[in-house]
Amino acid sequence: MNPTTKQNSVFIGEGVSFKGSINAPDEAVIEGQFDGDLTVSNLLIGQTGRVTGTIKADRVDVKGELNKDISSRQLLIVRSTGKVNGTLEYGEIEIERGGQVRGNMSQV
């Protein structure tokens, strides 16, 4: 394991596709495509990342695309390049200029 890799974390690189379920206690960084259920403390979706499924996280930072059922208990950040579509629950939300959010939204 290289020194910059965090234990209890998941990284899906650009060009990689994953279908299934992941439960990671710390962090998930998605630069590729993920389709399924994801439970994690912190989720970072890079500009090339595309996530579709049921997502449960404390904090979510979106530079790419996030779709379907999303629960971000503490903070959801949609960056200027980010797109979020679906049913969305959040503690707090921050949307940069250019960020896109569509769907049903409710604060938890």
C-alpha atoms as a PDB file:
ATOM      1  CA  MET A   1       0.000   0.000   0.000  1.00  0.00           C
ATOM      2  CA  ASN A   2       1.443   3.382  -0.832  1.00  0.00           C
ATOM      3  CA  PRO A   3       1.732   6.024   1.939  1.00  0.00           C
ATOM      4  CA  THR A   4      -0.987   8.289   0.473  1.00  0.00           C
ATOM      5  CA  THR A   5      -3.616   5.509   0.543  1.00  0.00           C
ATOM      6  CA  LYS A   6      -5.972   5.682   3.507  1.00  0.00           C
ATOM      7  CA  GLN A   7      -6.950   2.513   5.312  1.00  0.00           C
ATOM      8  CA  ASN A   8     -10.664   1.688   5.339  1.00  0.00           C
ATOM      9  CA  SER A   9     -11.116   3.640   2.084  1.00  0.00           C
ATOM     10  CA  VAL A  10     -12.092   2.827  -1.499  1.00  0.00           C
ATOM     11  CA  PHE A  11     -10.770   4.311  -4.741  1.00  0.00           C
ATOM     12  CA  ILE A  12     -12.353   3.631  -8.142  1.00  0.00           C
ATOM     13  CA  GLY A  13     -10.118   5.094 -10.831  1.00  0.00           C
ATOM     14  CA  GLU A  14     -10.961   6.726 -14.136  1.00  0.00           C
ATOM     15  CA  GLY A  15     -11.950   4.098 -16.711  1.00  0.00           C
ATOM     16  CA  VAL A  16     -12.958   1.575 -14.022  1.00  0.00           C
ATOM     17  CA  SER A  17     -16.610   0.413 -13.753  1.00  0.00           C
ATOM     18  CA  PHE A  18     -18.020  -1.182 -10.603  1.00  0.00           C
ATOM     19  CA  LYS A  19     -21.495  -2.650  -9.993  1.00  0.00           C
ATOM     20  CA  GLY A  20     -22.491  -3.833  -6.546  1.00  0.00           C
ATOM     21  CA  SER A  21     -22.452  -2.705  -2.930  1.00  0.00           C
ATOM     22  CA  ILE A  22     -19.699  -1.044  -0.924  1.00  0.00           C
ATOM     23  CA  ASN A  23     -19.617  -0.249   2.780  1.00  0.00           C
ATOM     24  CA  ALA A  24     -16.446   1.695   3.607  1.00  0.00           C
ATOM     25  CA  PRO A  25     -16.050   3.163   7.097  1.00  0.00           C
ATOM     26  CA  ASP A  26     -13.881   6.087   6.000  1.00  0.00           C
ATOM     27  CA  GLU A  27     -13.770   7.492   2.467  1.00  0.00           C
ATOM     28  CA  ALA A  28     -14.659   6.629  -1.125  1.00  0.00           C
ATOM     29  CA  VAL A  29     -13.142   8.457  -4.076  1.00  0.00           C
ATOM     30  CA  ILE A  30     -14.866   7.750  -7.382  1.00  0.00           C
ATOM     31  CA  GLU A  31     -13.166   8.808 -10.624  1.00  0.00           C
ATOM     32  CA  GLY A  32     -14.757   6.024 -12.709  1.00  0.00           C
ATOM     33  CA  GLN A  33     -18.302   4.613 -12.774  1.00  0.00           C
ATOM     34  CA  PHE A  34     -20.115   3.153  -9.782  1.00  0.00           C
ATOM     35  CA  ASP A  35     -23.598   1.597  -9.938  1.00  0.00           C
ATOM     36  CA  GLY A  36     -25.120   0.209  -6.750  1.00  0.00           C
ATOM     37  CA  ASP A  37     -25.378   0.835  -3.018  1.00  0.00           C
ATOM     38  CA  LEU A  38     -22.676   2.855  -1.292  1.00  0.00           C
ATOM     39  CA  THR A  39     -22.406   3.569   2.434  1.00  0.00           C
ATOM     40  CA  VAL A  40     -19.414   5.643   3.482  1.00  0.00           C
ATOM     41  CA  SER A  41     -18.412   8.477   5.815  1.00  0.00           C
ATOM     42  CA  ASN A  42     -16.988  10.782   3.120  1.00  0.00           C
ATOM     43  CA  LEU A  43     -17.692  10.535  -0.613  1.00  0.00           C
ATOM     44  CA  LEU A  44     -15.715  12.433  -3.229  1.00  0.00           C
ATOM     45  CA  ILE A  45     -16.845  12.163  -6.835  1.00  0.00           C
ATOM     46  CA  GLY A  46     -14.163  13.471  -9.190  1.00  0.00           C
ATOM     47  CA  GLN A  47     -14.877  15.281 -12.457  1.00  0.00           C
ATOM     48  CA  THR A  48     -14.761  12.016 -14.416  1.00  0.00           C
ATOM     49  CA  GLY A  49     -16.790  10.133 -11.783  1.00  0.00           C
ATOM     50  CA  ARG A  50     -20.351   8.951 -12.291  1.00  0.00           C
ATOM     51  CA  VAL A  51     -22.283   7.401  -9.411  1.00  0.00           C
ATOM     52  CA  THR A  52     -25.777   5.897  -9.680  1.00  0.00           C
ATOM     53  CA  GLY A  53     -27.554   4.157  -6.838  1.00  0.00           C
ATOM     54  CA  THR A  54     -28.521   4.441  -3.199  1.00  0.00           C
ATOM     55  CA  ILE A  55     -25.907   6.566  -1.477  1.00  0.00           C
ATOM     56  CA  LYS A  56     -25.619   7.098   2.287  1.00  0.00           C
ATOM     57  CA  ALA A  57     -22.816   9.312   3.569  1.00  0.00           C
ATOM     58  CA  ASP A  58     -22.049  11.957   6.159  1.00  0.00           C
ATOM     59  CA  ARG A  59     -20.382  14.276   3.648  1.00  0.00           C
ATOM     60  CA  VAL A  60     -20.565  14.263  -0.163  1.00  0.00           C
ATOM     61  CA  ASP A  61     -18.443  16.389  -2.524  1.00  0.00           C
ATOM     62  CA  VAL A  62     -19.556  16.224  -6.181  1.00  0.00           C
ATOM     63  CA  LYS A  63     -17.379  17.349  -9.093  1.00  0.00           C
ATOM     64  CA  GLY A  64     -18.799  14.729 -11.469  1.00  0.00           C
ATOM     65  CA  GLU A  65     -22.279  13.169 -11.592  1.00  0.00           C
ATOM     66  CA  LEU A  66     -24.448  11.685  -8.839  1.00  0.00           C
ATOM     67  CA  ASN A  67     -27.826  10.039  -9.562  1.00  0.00           C
ATOM     68  CA  LYS A  68     -30.768   8.318  -7.832  1.00  0.00           C
ATOM     69  CA  ASP A  69     -31.260   8.214  -4.012  1.00  0.00           C
ATOM     70  CA  ILE A  70     -28.799  10.310  -2.047  1.00  0.00           C
ATOM     71  CA  SER A  71     -28.604  10.863   1.701  1.00  0.00           C
ATOM     72  CA  SER A  72     -25.869  13.241   2.864  1.00  0.00           C
ATOM     73  CA  ARG A  73     -26.484  13.537   6.590  1.00  0.00           C
ATOM     74  CA  GLN A  74     -24.128  16.457   7.237  1.00  0.00           C
ATOM     75  CA  LEU A  75     -22.983  18.335   4.128  1.00  0.00           C
ATOM     76  CA  LEU A  76     -23.479  18.084   0.383  1.00  0.00           C
ATOM     77  CA  ILE A  77     -21.225  20.194  -1.838  1.00  0.00           C
ATOM     78  CA  VAL A  78     -22.001  20.430  -5.556  1.00  0.00           C
ATOM     79  CA  ARG A  79     -19.011  21.948  -7.321  1.00  0.00           C
ATOM     80  CA  SER A  80     -19.259  24.059 -10.492  1.00  0.00           C
ATOM     81  CA  THR A  81     -18.762  20.934 -12.648  1.00  0.00           C
ATOM     82  CA  GLY A  82     -21.095  18.757 -10.544  1.00  0.00           C
ATOM     83  CA  LYS A  83     -24.510  17.355 -11.464  1.00  0.00           C
ATOM     84  CA  VAL A  84     -26.908  15.798  -8.947  1.00  0.00           C
ATOM     85  CA  ASN A  85     -30.184  14.158 -10.059  1.00  0.00           C
ATOM     86  CA  GLY A  86     -32.682  12.261  -7.924  1.00  0.00           C
ATOM     87  CA  THR A  87     -34.142  12.135  -4.459  1.00  0.00           C
ATOM     88  CA  LEU A  88     -31.875  14.080  -2.157  1.00  0.00           C
ATOM     89  CA  GLU A  89     -31.719  14.370   1.626  1.00  0.00           C
ATOM     90  CA  TYR A  90     -29.069  16.600   3.168  1.00  0.00           C
ATOM     91  CA  GLY A  91     -28.071  18.275   6.423  1.00  0.00           C
ATOM     92  CA  GLU A  92     -26.575  21.341   4.714  1.00  0.00           C
ATOM     93  CA  ILE A  93     -26.068  22.040   1.023  1.00  0.00           C
ATOM     94  CA  GLU A  94     -23.608  24.209  -0.878  1.00  0.00           C
ATOM     95  CA  ILE A  95     -23.912  24.680  -4.636  1.00  0.00           C
ATOM     96  CA  GLU A  96     -21.167  26.490  -6.529  1.00  0.00           C
ATOM     97  CA  ARG A  97     -22.075  28.651  -9.501  1.00  0.00           C
ATOM     98  CA  GLY A  98     -22.562  26.295 -12.456  1.00  0.00           C
ATOM     99  CA  GLY A  99     -23.411  23.268 -10.284  1.00  0.00           C
ATOM    100  CA  GLN A 100     -26.658  21.516 -11.230  1.00  0.00           C
ATOM    101  CA  VAL A 101     -29.224  19.935  -8.891  1.00  0.00           C
ATOM    102  CA  ARG A 102     -32.489  18.344 -10.085  1.00  0.00           C
ATOM    103  CA  GLY A 103     -35.066  16.276  -8.257  1.00  0.00           C
ATOM    104  CA  ASN A 104     -36.777  16.123  -4.900  1.00  0.00           C
ATOM    105  CA  MET A 105     -34.822  17.756  -2.096  1.00  0.00           C
ATOM    106  CA  SER A 106     -35.395  17.702   1.657  1.00  0.00           C
ATOM    107  CA  GLN A 107     -33.346  18.757   4.635  1.00  0.00           C
ATOM    108  CA  VAL A 108     -32.824  16.121   7.359  1.00  0.00           C
END
